[in-house]
Full PDB file with SEQRES, HELIX, SHEET, SSBOND, CRYST1, ORIGX, SCALE, CONECT and MASTER records, all heavy atoms in Angstrom:
SEQRES   1 A   40  ARG VAL ALA SER CYS SER GLY TRP THR ASP LEU TYR VAL          
SEQRES   2 A   40  LEU PRO GLY TYR ARG PHE ARG ALA VAL GLU ALA MET VAL          
SEQRES   3 A   40  THR ASN PHE HIS LEU PRO ARG THR THR LEU ILE MET LEU          
SEQRES   4 A   40  VAL                                                          
HELIX    1 AA1 THR A   35  LEU A   39  1                                   5    
CRYST1    1.000    1.000    1.000  90.00  90.00  90.00 P 1           1          
ORIGX1      1.000000  0.000000  0.000000        0.00000                         
ORIGX2      0.000000  1.000000  0.000000        0.00000                         
ORIGX3      0.000000  0.000000  1.000000        0.00000                         
SCALE1      1.000000  0.000000  0.000000        0.00000                         
SCALE2      0.000000  1.000000  0.000000        0.00000                         
SCALE3      0.000000  0.000000  1.000000        0.00000                         
ATOM      1  N   ARG A   1      -7.549   5.135  12.580  1.00  0.00           N  
ATOM      2  CA  ARG A   1      -8.361   4.045  12.997  1.00  0.00           C  
ATOM      3  C   ARG A   1      -8.888   3.369  11.818  1.00  0.00           C  
ATOM      4  O   ARG A   1      -9.135   3.858  10.766  1.00  0.00           O  
ATOM      5  CB  ARG A   1      -9.637   4.617  13.805  1.00  0.00           C  
ATOM      6  CG  ARG A   1      -9.212   5.103  15.187  1.00  0.00           C  
ATOM      7  CD  ARG A   1     -10.373   5.549  15.995  1.00  0.00           C  
ATOM      8  NE  ARG A   1     -11.293   4.463  16.344  1.00  0.00           N  
ATOM      9  CZ  ARG A   1     -11.114   3.580  17.303  1.00  0.00           C  
ATOM     10  NH1 ARG A   1      -9.980   3.640  18.126  1.00  0.00           N  
ATOM     11  NH2 ARG A   1     -11.991   2.562  17.513  1.00  0.00           N  
ATOM     12  N   VAL A   2      -8.958   1.938  11.933  1.00  0.00           N  
ATOM     13  CA  VAL A   2      -9.388   1.081  10.811  1.00  0.00           C  
ATOM     14  C   VAL A   2     -10.778   0.650  11.127  1.00  0.00           C  
ATOM     15  O   VAL A   2     -11.071   0.117  12.162  1.00  0.00           O  
ATOM     16  CB  VAL A   2      -8.352  -0.101  10.683  1.00  0.00           C  
ATOM     17  CG1 VAL A   2      -8.864  -1.091   9.714  1.00  0.00           C  
ATOM     18  CG2 VAL A   2      -7.045   0.396  10.288  1.00  0.00           C  
ATOM     19  N   ALA A   3     -11.607   0.692  10.042  1.00  0.00           N  
ATOM     20  CA  ALA A   3     -13.062   0.291  10.178  1.00  0.00           C  
ATOM     21  C   ALA A   3     -13.251  -1.116   9.738  1.00  0.00           C  
ATOM     22  O   ALA A   3     -12.460  -1.604   8.856  1.00  0.00           O  
ATOM     23  CB  ALA A   3     -13.876   1.178   9.245  1.00  0.00           C  
ATOM     24  N   SER A   4     -14.193  -1.802  10.312  1.00  0.00           N  
ATOM     25  CA  SER A   4     -14.647  -3.073   9.830  1.00  0.00           C  
ATOM     26  C   SER A   4     -15.452  -2.860   8.518  1.00  0.00           C  
ATOM     27  O   SER A   4     -16.404  -2.114   8.601  1.00  0.00           O  
ATOM     28  CB  SER A   4     -15.484  -3.836  10.960  1.00  0.00           C  
ATOM     29  OG  SER A   4     -16.167  -4.829  10.385  1.00  0.00           O  
ATOM     30  N   CYS A   5     -15.060  -3.513   7.468  1.00  0.00           N  
ATOM     31  CA  CYS A   5     -15.798  -3.335   6.184  1.00  0.00           C  
ATOM     32  C   CYS A   5     -15.517  -4.389   5.277  1.00  0.00           C  
ATOM     33  O   CYS A   5     -14.516  -5.207   5.363  1.00  0.00           O  
ATOM     34  CB  CYS A   5     -15.387  -1.932   5.662  1.00  0.00           C  
ATOM     35  SG  CYS A   5     -13.658  -1.733   5.280  1.00  0.00           S  
ATOM     36  N   SER A   6     -16.363  -4.483   4.269  1.00  0.00           N  
ATOM     37  CA  SER A   6     -16.167  -5.344   2.980  1.00  0.00           C  
ATOM     38  C   SER A   6     -16.373  -4.456   1.762  1.00  0.00           C  
ATOM     39  O   SER A   6     -17.329  -3.663   1.728  1.00  0.00           O  
ATOM     40  CB  SER A   6     -17.119  -6.515   3.068  1.00  0.00           C  
ATOM     41  OG  SER A   6     -16.830  -7.465   4.099  1.00  0.00           O  
ATOM     42  N   GLY A   7     -15.613  -4.729   0.716  1.00  0.00           N  
ATOM     43  CA  GLY A   7     -15.837  -3.953  -0.396  1.00  0.00           C  
ATOM     44  C   GLY A   7     -14.662  -4.169  -1.403  1.00  0.00           C  
ATOM     45  O   GLY A   7     -13.963  -5.277  -1.354  1.00  0.00           O  
ATOM     46  N   TRP A   8     -14.411  -3.110  -2.214  1.00  0.00           N  
ATOM     47  CA  TRP A   8     -13.525  -3.167  -3.272  1.00  0.00           C  
ATOM     48  C   TRP A   8     -12.481  -2.073  -3.105  1.00  0.00           C  
ATOM     49  O   TRP A   8     -12.944  -0.947  -2.762  1.00  0.00           O  
ATOM     50  CB  TRP A   8     -14.078  -3.253  -4.678  1.00  0.00           C  
ATOM     51  CG  TRP A   8     -14.947  -4.406  -4.939  1.00  0.00           C  
ATOM     52  CD1 TRP A   8     -16.164  -4.668  -4.428  1.00  0.00           C  
ATOM     53  CD2 TRP A   8     -14.554  -5.524  -5.714  1.00  0.00           C  
ATOM     54  NE1 TRP A   8     -16.623  -5.879  -4.909  1.00  0.00           N  
ATOM     55  CE2 TRP A   8     -15.687  -6.391  -5.678  1.00  0.00           C  
ATOM     56  CE3 TRP A   8     -13.394  -5.887  -6.443  1.00  0.00           C  
ATOM     57  CZ2 TRP A   8     -15.674  -7.695  -6.393  1.00  0.00           C  
ATOM     58  CZ3 TRP A   8     -13.411  -7.073  -7.145  1.00  0.00           C  
ATOM     59  CH2 TRP A   8     -14.597  -7.974  -7.094  1.00  0.00           C  
ATOM     60  N   THR A   9     -11.178  -2.300  -3.405  1.00  0.00           N  
ATOM     61  CA  THR A   9     -10.300  -1.224  -3.302  1.00  0.00           C  
ATOM     62  C   THR A   9      -9.499  -1.147  -4.622  1.00  0.00           C  
ATOM     63  O   THR A   9      -8.991  -2.177  -5.046  1.00  0.00           O  
ATOM     64  CB  THR A   9      -9.298  -1.304  -2.119  1.00  0.00           C  
ATOM     65  OG1 THR A   9      -8.341  -0.182  -2.110  1.00  0.00           O  
ATOM     66  CG2 THR A   9      -8.614  -2.671  -2.090  1.00  0.00           C  
ATOM     67  N   ASP A  10      -9.332   0.080  -5.119  1.00  0.00           N  
ATOM     68  CA  ASP A  10      -8.409   0.375  -6.212  1.00  0.00           C  
ATOM     69  C   ASP A  10      -7.323   1.428  -5.774  1.00  0.00           C  
ATOM     70  O   ASP A  10      -6.839   2.095  -6.608  1.00  0.00           O  
ATOM     71  CB  ASP A  10      -9.144   0.868  -7.510  1.00  0.00           C  
ATOM     72  CG  ASP A  10      -9.926   2.161  -7.263  1.00  0.00           C  
ATOM     73  OD1 ASP A  10      -9.901   2.650  -6.098  1.00  0.00           O  
ATOM     74  OD2 ASP A  10     -10.509   2.626  -8.217  1.00  0.00           O  
ATOM     75  N   LEU A  11      -7.061   1.410  -4.489  1.00  0.00           N  
ATOM     76  CA  LEU A  11      -6.096   2.299  -3.947  1.00  0.00           C  
ATOM     77  C   LEU A  11      -4.732   2.052  -4.619  1.00  0.00           C  
ATOM     78  O   LEU A  11      -4.240   0.997  -4.683  1.00  0.00           O  
ATOM     79  CB  LEU A  11      -5.853   2.096  -2.519  1.00  0.00           C  
ATOM     80  CG  LEU A  11      -4.952   2.972  -1.671  1.00  0.00           C  
ATOM     81  CD1 LEU A  11      -5.319   4.463  -1.715  1.00  0.00           C  
ATOM     82  CD2 LEU A  11      -4.717   2.579  -0.237  1.00  0.00           C  
ATOM     83  N   TYR A  12      -4.185   3.193  -5.145  1.00  0.00           N  
ATOM     84  CA  TYR A  12      -2.875   3.255  -5.798  1.00  0.00           C  
ATOM     85  C   TYR A  12      -1.947   4.078  -5.045  1.00  0.00           C  
ATOM     86  O   TYR A  12      -2.087   5.296  -4.867  1.00  0.00           O  
ATOM     87  CB  TYR A  12      -3.132   3.808  -7.251  1.00  0.00           C  
ATOM     88  CG  TYR A  12      -1.889   3.819  -8.158  1.00  0.00           C  
ATOM     89  CD1 TYR A  12      -0.787   3.017  -7.974  1.00  0.00           C  
ATOM     90  CD2 TYR A  12      -1.947   4.810  -9.126  1.00  0.00           C  
ATOM     91  CE1 TYR A  12       0.256   3.100  -8.820  1.00  0.00           C  
ATOM     92  CE2 TYR A  12      -0.932   4.830 -10.045  1.00  0.00           C  
ATOM     93  CZ  TYR A  12       0.182   4.047  -9.848  1.00  0.00           C  
ATOM     94  OH  TYR A  12       1.270   4.139 -10.722  1.00  0.00           O  
ATOM     95  N   VAL A  13      -0.941   3.518  -4.418  1.00  0.00           N  
ATOM     96  CA  VAL A  13      -0.032   4.186  -3.438  1.00  0.00           C  
ATOM     97  C   VAL A  13       1.249   4.523  -4.193  1.00  0.00           C  
ATOM     98  O   VAL A  13       2.018   3.603  -4.621  1.00  0.00           O  
ATOM     99  CB  VAL A  13       0.245   3.261  -2.263  1.00  0.00           C  
ATOM    100  CG1 VAL A  13       1.165   4.045  -1.339  1.00  0.00           C  
ATOM    101  CG2 VAL A  13      -1.103   2.945  -1.560  1.00  0.00           C  
ATOM    102  N   LEU A  14       1.545   5.781  -4.276  1.00  0.00           N  
ATOM    103  CA  LEU A  14       2.808   6.308  -4.908  1.00  0.00           C  
ATOM    104  C   LEU A  14       3.474   7.110  -3.908  1.00  0.00           C  
ATOM    105  O   LEU A  14       2.924   7.569  -2.855  1.00  0.00           O  
ATOM    106  CB  LEU A  14       2.380   7.185  -6.096  1.00  0.00           C  
ATOM    107  CG  LEU A  14       1.859   6.464  -7.375  1.00  0.00           C  
ATOM    108  CD1 LEU A  14       1.327   7.553  -8.281  1.00  0.00           C  
ATOM    109  CD2 LEU A  14       2.950   5.629  -8.017  1.00  0.00           C  
ATOM    110  N   PRO A  15       4.851   7.375  -4.131  1.00  0.00           N  
ATOM    111  CA  PRO A  15       5.609   8.301  -3.234  1.00  0.00           C  
ATOM    112  C   PRO A  15       4.781   9.673  -3.088  1.00  0.00           C  
ATOM    113  O   PRO A  15       4.347  10.211  -4.164  1.00  0.00           O  
ATOM    114  CB  PRO A  15       6.944   8.465  -3.910  1.00  0.00           C  
ATOM    115  CG  PRO A  15       7.116   7.064  -4.611  1.00  0.00           C  
ATOM    116  CD  PRO A  15       5.701   6.726  -5.003  1.00  0.00           C  
ATOM    117  N   GLY A  16       4.655  10.110  -1.838  1.00  0.00           N  
ATOM    118  CA  GLY A  16       3.912  11.288  -1.577  1.00  0.00           C  
ATOM    119  C   GLY A  16       2.682  10.921  -0.860  1.00  0.00           C  
ATOM    120  O   GLY A  16       2.052  11.800  -0.176  1.00  0.00           O  
ATOM    121  N   TYR A  17       2.259   9.642  -0.910  1.00  0.00           N  
ATOM    122  CA  TYR A  17       1.062   9.253  -0.203  1.00  0.00           C  
ATOM    123  C   TYR A  17       1.388   9.285   1.410  1.00  0.00           C  
ATOM    124  O   TYR A  17       2.462   8.918   1.816  1.00  0.00           O  
ATOM    125  CB  TYR A  17       0.697   7.805  -0.535  1.00  0.00           C  
ATOM    126  CG  TYR A  17      -0.408   7.168   0.230  1.00  0.00           C  
ATOM    127  CD1 TYR A  17      -1.771   7.362  -0.100  1.00  0.00           C  
ATOM    128  CD2 TYR A  17      -0.178   6.401   1.383  1.00  0.00           C  
ATOM    129  CE1 TYR A  17      -2.792   6.799   0.553  1.00  0.00           C  
ATOM    130  CE2 TYR A  17      -1.256   5.863   2.086  1.00  0.00           C  
ATOM    131  CZ  TYR A  17      -2.535   6.064   1.694  1.00  0.00           C  
ATOM    132  OH  TYR A  17      -3.565   5.557   2.383  1.00  0.00           O  
ATOM    133  N   ARG A  18       0.358   9.734   2.178  1.00  0.00           N  
ATOM    134  CA  ARG A  18       0.467   9.785   3.605  1.00  0.00           C  
ATOM    135  C   ARG A  18      -0.192   8.644   4.219  1.00  0.00           C  
ATOM    136  O   ARG A  18      -1.382   8.393   4.216  1.00  0.00           O  
ATOM    137  CB  ARG A  18      -0.100  11.064   4.103  1.00  0.00           C  
ATOM    138  CG  ARG A  18       0.124  11.286   5.636  1.00  0.00           C  
ATOM    139  CD  ARG A  18      -0.540  12.590   6.110  1.00  0.00           C  
ATOM    140  NE  ARG A  18      -1.992  12.500   6.124  1.00  0.00           N  
ATOM    141  CZ  ARG A  18      -2.724  11.991   7.108  1.00  0.00           C  
ATOM    142  NH1 ARG A  18      -2.133  11.419   8.175  1.00  0.00           N  
ATOM    143  NH2 ARG A  18      -4.010  12.011   7.076  1.00  0.00           N  
ATOM    144  N   PHE A  19       0.673   7.740   4.801  1.00  0.00           N  
ATOM    145  CA  PHE A  19       0.096   6.558   5.421  1.00  0.00           C  
ATOM    146  C   PHE A  19      -0.592   6.859   6.711  1.00  0.00           C  
ATOM    147  O   PHE A  19       0.000   7.649   7.576  1.00  0.00           O  
ATOM    148  CB  PHE A  19       1.298   5.444   5.710  1.00  0.00           C  
ATOM    149  CG  PHE A  19       1.764   4.869   4.446  1.00  0.00           C  
ATOM    150  CD1 PHE A  19       2.693   5.488   3.574  1.00  0.00           C  
ATOM    151  CD2 PHE A  19       1.269   3.619   4.042  1.00  0.00           C  
ATOM    152  CE1 PHE A  19       3.103   4.976   2.464  1.00  0.00           C  
ATOM    153  CE2 PHE A  19       1.736   3.056   2.850  1.00  0.00           C  
ATOM    154  CZ  PHE A  19       2.683   3.718   2.060  1.00  0.00           C  
ATOM    155  N   ARG A  20      -1.773   6.320   6.946  1.00  0.00           N  
ATOM    156  CA  ARG A  20      -2.607   6.680   8.099  1.00  0.00           C  
ATOM    157  C   ARG A  20      -2.544   5.554   9.136  1.00  0.00           C  
ATOM    158  O   ARG A  20      -2.764   5.879  10.355  1.00  0.00           O  
ATOM    159  CB  ARG A  20      -3.975   6.926   7.628  1.00  0.00           C  
ATOM    160  CG  ARG A  20      -4.075   8.174   6.639  1.00  0.00           C  
ATOM    161  CD  ARG A  20      -5.521   8.486   6.245  1.00  0.00           C  
ATOM    162  NE  ARG A  20      -6.094   7.441   5.390  1.00  0.00           N  
ATOM    163  CZ  ARG A  20      -7.213   7.551   4.739  1.00  0.00           C  
ATOM    164  NH1 ARG A  20      -7.878   8.656   4.750  1.00  0.00           N  
ATOM    165  NH2 ARG A  20      -7.681   6.522   4.013  1.00  0.00           N  
ATOM    166  N   ALA A  21      -2.362   4.335   8.781  1.00  0.00           N  
ATOM    167  CA  ALA A  21      -2.487   3.224   9.716  1.00  0.00           C  
ATOM    168  C   ALA A  21      -1.277   2.374   9.836  1.00  0.00           C  
ATOM    169  O   ALA A  21      -0.777   2.111  10.906  1.00  0.00           O  
ATOM    170  CB  ALA A  21      -3.688   2.280   9.281  1.00  0.00           C  
ATOM    171  N   VAL A  22      -0.697   1.956   8.697  1.00  0.00           N  
ATOM    172  CA  VAL A  22       0.438   1.031   8.704  1.00  0.00           C  
ATOM    173  C   VAL A  22       1.689   1.736   9.230  1.00  0.00           C  
ATOM    174  O   VAL A  22       2.100   2.872   8.781  1.00  0.00           O  
ATOM    175  CB  VAL A  22       0.638   0.449   7.330  1.00  0.00           C  
ATOM    176  CG1 VAL A  22       1.856  -0.349   7.248  1.00  0.00           C  
ATOM    177  CG2 VAL A  22      -0.552  -0.244   6.832  1.00  0.00           C  
ATOM    178  N   GLU A  23       2.477   1.082  10.118  1.00  0.00           N  
ATOM    179  CA  GLU A  23       3.682   1.599  10.781  1.00  0.00           C  
ATOM    180  C   GLU A  23       4.901   0.805  10.440  1.00  0.00           C  
ATOM    181  O   GLU A  23       6.016   1.269  10.668  1.00  0.00           O  
ATOM    182  CB  GLU A  23       3.533   1.680  12.232  1.00  0.00           C  
ATOM    183  CG  GLU A  23       2.346   2.704  12.634  1.00  0.00           C  
ATOM    184  CD  GLU A  23       1.858   2.472  14.055  1.00  0.00           C  
ATOM    185  OE1 GLU A  23       1.564   1.372  14.489  1.00  0.00           O  
ATOM    186  OE2 GLU A  23       1.732   3.487  14.734  1.00  0.00           O  
ATOM    187  N   ALA A  24       4.735  -0.376   9.898  1.00  0.00           N  
ATOM    188  CA  ALA A  24       5.887  -1.250   9.481  1.00  0.00           C  
ATOM    189  C   ALA A  24       5.316  -2.271   8.495  1.00  0.00           C  
ATOM    190  O   ALA A  24       4.119  -2.498   8.565  1.00  0.00           O  
ATOM    191  CB  ALA A  24       6.533  -1.877  10.662  1.00  0.00           C  
ATOM    192  N   MET A  25       6.189  -2.769   7.702  1.00  0.00           N  
ATOM    193  CA  MET A  25       5.680  -3.775   6.710  1.00  0.00           C  
ATOM    194  C   MET A  25       6.715  -4.884   6.392  1.00  0.00           C  
ATOM    195  O   MET A  25       7.896  -4.630   6.497  1.00  0.00           O  
ATOM    196  CB  MET A  25       5.174  -3.068   5.454  1.00  0.00           C  
ATOM    197  CG  MET A  25       6.322  -2.491   4.657  1.00  0.00           C  
ATOM    198  SD  MET A  25       5.625  -1.766   3.060  1.00  0.00           S  
ATOM    199  CE  MET A  25       4.888  -3.218   2.233  1.00  0.00           C  
ATOM    200  N   VAL A  26       6.149  -5.993   6.122  1.00  0.00           N  
ATOM    201  CA  VAL A  26       7.003  -7.190   5.570  1.00  0.00           C  
ATOM    202  C   VAL A  26       6.633  -7.332   4.121  1.00  0.00           C  
ATOM    203  O   VAL A  26       5.479  -7.280   3.755  1.00  0.00           O  
ATOM    204  CB  VAL A  26       6.691  -8.433   6.253  1.00  0.00           C  
ATOM    205  CG1 VAL A  26       7.560  -9.583   5.672  1.00  0.00           C  
ATOM    206  CG2 VAL A  26       6.939  -8.342   7.773  1.00  0.00           C  
ATOM    207  N   THR A  27       7.686  -7.415   3.254  1.00  0.00           N  
ATOM    208  CA  THR A  27       7.373  -7.519   1.836  1.00  0.00           C  
ATOM    209  C   THR A  27       8.457  -8.267   1.136  1.00  0.00           C  
ATOM    210  O   THR A  27       9.588  -8.487   1.670  1.00  0.00           O  
ATOM    211  CB  THR A  27       7.291  -6.081   1.256  1.00  0.00           C  
ATOM    212  OG1 THR A  27       6.905  -6.162  -0.146  1.00  0.00           O  
ATOM    213  CG2 THR A  27       8.580  -5.311   1.277  1.00  0.00           C  
ATOM    214  N   ASN A  28       8.214  -8.710  -0.023  1.00  0.00           N  
ATOM    215  CA  ASN A  28       9.264  -9.409  -0.851  1.00  0.00           C  
ATOM    216  C   ASN A  28       9.922  -8.402  -1.790  1.00  0.00           C  
ATOM    217  O   ASN A  28       9.623  -7.260  -1.732  1.00  0.00           O  
ATOM    218  CB  ASN A  28       8.591 -10.513  -1.736  1.00  0.00           C  
ATOM    219  CG  ASN A  28       8.418 -11.789  -0.921  1.00  0.00           C  
ATOM    220  OD1 ASN A  28       8.432 -11.785   0.306  1.00  0.00           O  
ATOM    221  ND2 ASN A  28       8.319 -13.014  -1.670  1.00  0.00           N  
ATOM    222  N   PHE A  29      10.860  -8.833  -2.536  1.00  0.00           N  
ATOM    223  CA  PHE A  29      11.437  -8.078  -3.505  1.00  0.00           C  
ATOM    224  C   PHE A  29      10.681  -8.076  -4.874  1.00  0.00           C  
ATOM    225  O   PHE A  29      10.603  -9.236  -5.430  1.00  0.00           O  
ATOM    226  CB  PHE A  29      12.945  -8.386  -3.720  1.00  0.00           C  
ATOM    227  CG  PHE A  29      13.832  -8.105  -2.523  1.00  0.00           C  
ATOM    228  CD1 PHE A  29      13.894  -9.115  -1.538  1.00  0.00           C  
ATOM    229  CD2 PHE A  29      14.389  -6.929  -2.322  1.00  0.00           C  
ATOM    230  CE1 PHE A  29      14.663  -8.846  -0.376  1.00  0.00           C  
ATOM    231  CE2 PHE A  29      15.204  -6.695  -1.198  1.00  0.00           C  
ATOM    232  CZ  PHE A  29      15.329  -7.629  -0.166  1.00  0.00           C  
ATOM    233  N   HIS A  30      10.222  -6.963  -5.317  1.00  0.00           N  
ATOM    234  CA  HIS A  30       9.243  -6.967  -6.408  1.00  0.00           C  
ATOM    235  C   HIS A  30       9.839  -6.648  -7.739  1.00  0.00           C  
ATOM    236  O   HIS A  30      10.923  -6.233  -7.961  1.00  0.00           O  
ATOM    237  CB  HIS A  30       8.203  -5.900  -6.091  1.00  0.00           C  
ATOM    238  CG  HIS A  30       7.519  -6.159  -4.820  1.00  0.00           C  
ATOM    239  ND1 HIS A  30       6.621  -7.216  -4.552  1.00  0.00           N  
ATOM    240  CD2 HIS A  30       7.453  -5.453  -3.618  1.00  0.00           C  
ATOM    241  CE1 HIS A  30       6.215  -7.181  -3.355  1.00  0.00           C  
ATOM    242  NE2 HIS A  30       6.681  -6.097  -2.761  1.00  0.00           N  
ATOM    243  N   LEU A  31       8.987  -7.034  -8.872  1.00  0.00           N  
ATOM    244  CA  LEU A  31       9.445  -6.811 -10.184  1.00  0.00           C  
ATOM    245  C   LEU A  31       9.619  -5.256 -10.323  1.00  0.00           C  
ATOM    246  O   LEU A  31       8.815  -4.416  -9.769  1.00  0.00           O  
ATOM    247  CB  LEU A  31       8.434  -7.205 -11.123  1.00  0.00           C  
ATOM    248  CG  LEU A  31       8.389  -8.677 -11.543  1.00  0.00           C  
ATOM    249  CD1 LEU A  31       7.926  -9.615 -10.462  1.00  0.00           C  
ATOM    250  CD2 LEU A  31       7.675  -8.918 -12.843  1.00  0.00           C  
ATOM    251  N   PRO A  32      10.510  -4.798 -11.238  1.00  0.00           N  
ATOM    252  CA  PRO A  32      10.728  -3.427 -11.497  1.00  0.00           C  
ATOM    253  C   PRO A  32       9.525  -2.885 -12.325  1.00  0.00           C  
ATOM    254  O   PRO A  32       8.678  -3.687 -12.857  1.00  0.00           O  
ATOM    255  CB  PRO A  32      11.897  -3.357 -12.413  1.00  0.00           C  
ATOM    256  CG  PRO A  32      12.039  -4.694 -12.944  1.00  0.00           C  
ATOM    257  CD  PRO A  32      11.545  -5.664 -11.907  1.00  0.00           C  
ATOM    258  N   ARG A  33       9.201  -1.613 -12.150  1.00  0.00           N  
ATOM    259  CA  ARG A  33       8.242  -0.864 -12.973  1.00  0.00           C  
ATOM    260  C   ARG A  33       6.790  -1.400 -12.675  1.00  0.00           C  
ATOM    261  O   ARG A  33       6.000  -1.478 -13.538  1.00  0.00           O  
ATOM    262  CB  ARG A  33       8.553  -1.039 -14.492  1.00  0.00           C  
ATOM    263  CG  ARG A  33       9.913  -0.566 -14.871  1.00  0.00           C  
ATOM    264  CD  ARG A  33      10.437  -1.012 -16.264  1.00  0.00           C  
ATOM    265  NE  ARG A  33       9.615  -0.280 -17.288  1.00  0.00           N  
ATOM    266  CZ  ARG A  33      10.117   0.771 -17.874  1.00  0.00           C  
ATOM    267  NH1 ARG A  33      11.264   1.379 -17.516  1.00  0.00           N  
ATOM    268  NH2 ARG A  33       9.405   1.336 -18.913  1.00  0.00           N  
ATOM    269  N   THR A  34       6.574  -1.793 -11.365  1.00  0.00           N  
ATOM    270  CA  THR A  34       5.275  -2.295 -10.997  1.00  0.00           C  
ATOM    271  C   THR A  34       4.714  -1.460  -9.868  1.00  0.00           C  
ATOM    272  O   THR A  34       5.470  -0.762  -9.175  1.00  0.00           O  
ATOM    273  CB  THR A  34       5.293  -3.729 -10.587  1.00  0.00           C  
ATOM    274  OG1 THR A  34       6.208  -3.846  -9.450  1.00  0.00           O  
ATOM    275  CG2 THR A  34       5.734  -4.654 -11.648  1.00  0.00           C  
ATOM    276  N   THR A  35       3.418  -1.487  -9.646  1.00  0.00           N  
ATOM    277  CA  THR A  35       2.765  -0.737  -8.562  1.00  0.00           C  
ATOM    278  C   THR A  35       3.335  -1.210  -7.199  1.00  0.00           C  
ATOM    279  O   THR A  35       3.233  -0.477  -6.196  1.00  0.00           O  
ATOM    280  CB  THR A  35       1.251  -0.884  -8.574  1.00  0.00           C  
ATOM    281  OG1 THR A  35       0.885  -2.181  -8.454  1.00  0.00           O  
ATOM    282  CG2 THR A  35       0.735  -0.254  -9.941  1.00  0.00           C  
ATOM    283  N   LEU A  36       3.842  -2.406  -7.054  1.00  0.00           N  
ATOM    284  CA  LEU A  36       4.275  -3.044  -5.866  1.00  0.00           C  
ATOM    285  C   LEU A  36       5.537  -2.287  -5.399  1.00  0.00           C  
ATOM    286  O   LEU A  36       5.624  -1.928  -4.165  1.00  0.00           O  
ATOM    287  CB  LEU A  36       4.575  -4.574  -6.010  1.00  0.00           C  
ATOM    288  CG  LEU A  36       3.382  -5.317  -6.511  1.00  0.00           C  
ATOM    289  CD1 LEU A  36       3.791  -6.797  -6.810  1.00  0.00           C  
ATOM    290  CD2 LEU A  36       2.305  -5.430  -5.387  1.00  0.00           C  
ATOM    291  N   ILE A  37       6.511  -2.100  -6.243  1.00  0.00           N  
ATOM    292  CA  ILE A  37       7.639  -1.457  -5.863  1.00  0.00           C  
ATOM    293  C   ILE A  37       7.398   0.066  -5.589  1.00  0.00           C  
ATOM    294  O   ILE A  37       8.040   0.661  -4.704  1.00  0.00           O  
ATOM    295  CB  ILE A  37       8.859  -1.709  -6.910  1.00  0.00           C  
ATOM    296  CG1 ILE A  37      10.150  -1.206  -6.305  1.00  0.00           C  
ATOM    297  CG2 ILE A  37       8.554  -0.932  -8.215  1.00  0.00           C  
ATOM    298  CD1 ILE A  37      11.396  -1.617  -7.138  1.00  0.00           C  
ATOM    299  N   MET A  38       6.468   0.600  -6.278  1.00  0.00           N  
ATOM    300  CA  MET A  38       6.001   1.956  -5.995  1.00  0.00           C  
ATOM    301  C   MET A  38       5.526   2.119  -4.649  1.00  0.00           C  
ATOM    302  O   MET A  38       5.754   3.091  -3.870  1.00  0.00           O  
ATOM    303  CB  MET A  38       5.032   2.469  -7.080  1.00  0.00           C  
ATOM    304  CG  MET A  38       5.634   2.464  -8.505  1.00  0.00           C  
ATOM    305  SD  MET A  38       4.338   2.790  -9.721  1.00  0.00           S  
ATOM    306  CE  MET A  38       5.337   2.454 -11.244  1.00  0.00           C  
ATOM    307  N   LEU A  39       4.645   1.196  -4.205  1.00  0.00           N  
ATOM    308  CA  LEU A  39       4.071   1.282  -2.881  1.00  0.00           C  
ATOM    309  C   LEU A  39       5.210   1.186  -1.847  1.00  0.00           C  
ATOM    310  O   LEU A  39       5.194   1.965  -0.856  1.00  0.00           O  
ATOM    311  CB  LEU A  39       3.056   0.127  -2.698  1.00  0.00           C  
ATOM    312  CG  LEU A  39       2.280   0.031  -1.333  1.00  0.00           C  
ATOM    313  CD1 LEU A  39       0.918  -0.645  -1.525  1.00  0.00           C  
ATOM    314  CD2 LEU A  39       3.098  -0.683  -0.258  1.00  0.00           C  
ATOM    315  N   VAL A  40       6.072   0.266  -2.053  1.00  0.00           N  
ATOM    316  CA  VAL A  40       7.190   0.120  -1.034  1.00  0.00           C  
ATOM    317  C   VAL A  40       8.060   1.424  -1.007  1.00  0.00           C  
ATOM    318  O   VAL A  40       8.435   1.849   0.114  1.00  0.00           O  
ATOM    319  CB  VAL A  40       8.088  -1.080  -1.415  1.00  0.00           C  
ATOM    320  CG1 VAL A  40       9.281  -1.115  -0.524  1.00  0.00           C  
ATOM    321  CG2 VAL A  40       7.267  -2.296  -1.338  1.00  0.00           C  
TER     322      VAL A  40                                                      
MASTER        0    0    0    1    0    0    0    6  321    1    0    4          
END                                                                             
């Protein structure tokens, strides 16, 4: 469940992270060696 909120996030998603809410995603093709490709 997703809460209504405002704040700051420094969430860093790496392989091994257990996704709780997101079930599918749209994304671009990212630069190598970045946190973006790690999240994907």
